[in-house]
Structure formats: structure tokens, C-alpha cells
Amino acid sequence: MRHTFCWRRLDRDGLEVTWVTHGHSGIGVRTSLLSAGEFPLELRLDWQLDRAWRTRSLVIDRRDMTSQRRMTIERLPEAWIVDGAARSDLAACDEIDVSATPFCNSLALRMLGETGGELTALYVNALDLSVRASRQRYVPVAPGVWRYVDLGVAAGFEAELAVDDALMVRSYDGLFARV
């Protein structure tokens, strides 16, 4: 079974198409994203998730006018592996959050469940592919509406998210809208 989701950026020109494919051993997610503005870039994301929507691996291909780079992230029981190296500073991370896509919010919401809560994200900055641990909070506001609170990388940032029954983002305050 395959589902397609498309989002447009609200703060700059940009478009994302994400394909979610359910298989016998898990879920494959492929994303193609173009973002214009001050730092235009292209991202291609290839996720492998388990049946509970937890990341097993992510491959990111990033391209801009002057460079191209590939990053791989793998989850092992005791560590996150980034480009082949175990990262002890990321050991407490629960899930991945790539800055340029609303898809990652769905992973967090599925992990936290209907009461919400806090998690530590393995935050990937799409501009330079730097990674670090970052705390986040998700608070249910109303059916299908959540408050996202950044407690780490962008501490103080808050946004309202509207999601569908599958917890896929419909809108993300000022940043994304599903088309």
C-alpha cells in the first residue's frame, strides 16, 4: 500500500513530495524536497521504518549550487551511527527530526501517543547536515491539533500543528501546508 503526501512551504518558495509504502517488514518513506529562498537546496530522504514507525535508517542526499553531500543515519539498539561512526552524544535520542520536513512530526507524534509528552530528537539541520540532540514537547490542544514546543536547538519556538487521523501533518503554523 502506498500513500503520497505533498506540502508547500509558507515562509518561502518550496515543495515536498513524500511517498509512504507499507511492506511486510516495515515502512519505506521517500521524500523529494526543493526549498528556495536565501539558501536554495534540494533534499532527497530515504527512510526505513519498522512497523511501529520507528526509524531504522535514513539516507539524506543534499545538493545546493556549490556542493553535494550524502549522510547516513542508522539506529542500533545501543547507539546511533552517523556516516559510519557511533555517536555517543546522540545516545539519548528517541527519533530523528530533519529541519526541512513536517514528516518528522508524525514520527514524534506516533511515538508519544495521544497524551503527547517530551522526547529527545536527533536533530538534523538541513542547511549543513549537522546533527545534535534536541529536546521537544508535543501537547494535544484539540482533536487533530497539537502544540509543538522546541526545548533545545530553537528553544522558545512554538507552533500549532494540525494532523489527520494517521497523524500526518496537514498544516504547521507559518511553515508548511499540505496540498
Foldseek 3Di string as FASTA:
>chain_A
DKDWWKKAWQQFGKIKIKIWDQDPFFIWIWMWMWTDDPWTKIKIKIFTAGNLLATQKIWIWIDGPPDIDIWIWGDDPQAIAIRRRTDPQCRQARHEDEPQDQQRQLSQDSVQDDQWAKGWHQYADNRPRDTGTWMKTWHDDDVQKIKIATCGPPHPDIWIFGADPSSRTQDIPNTMHID
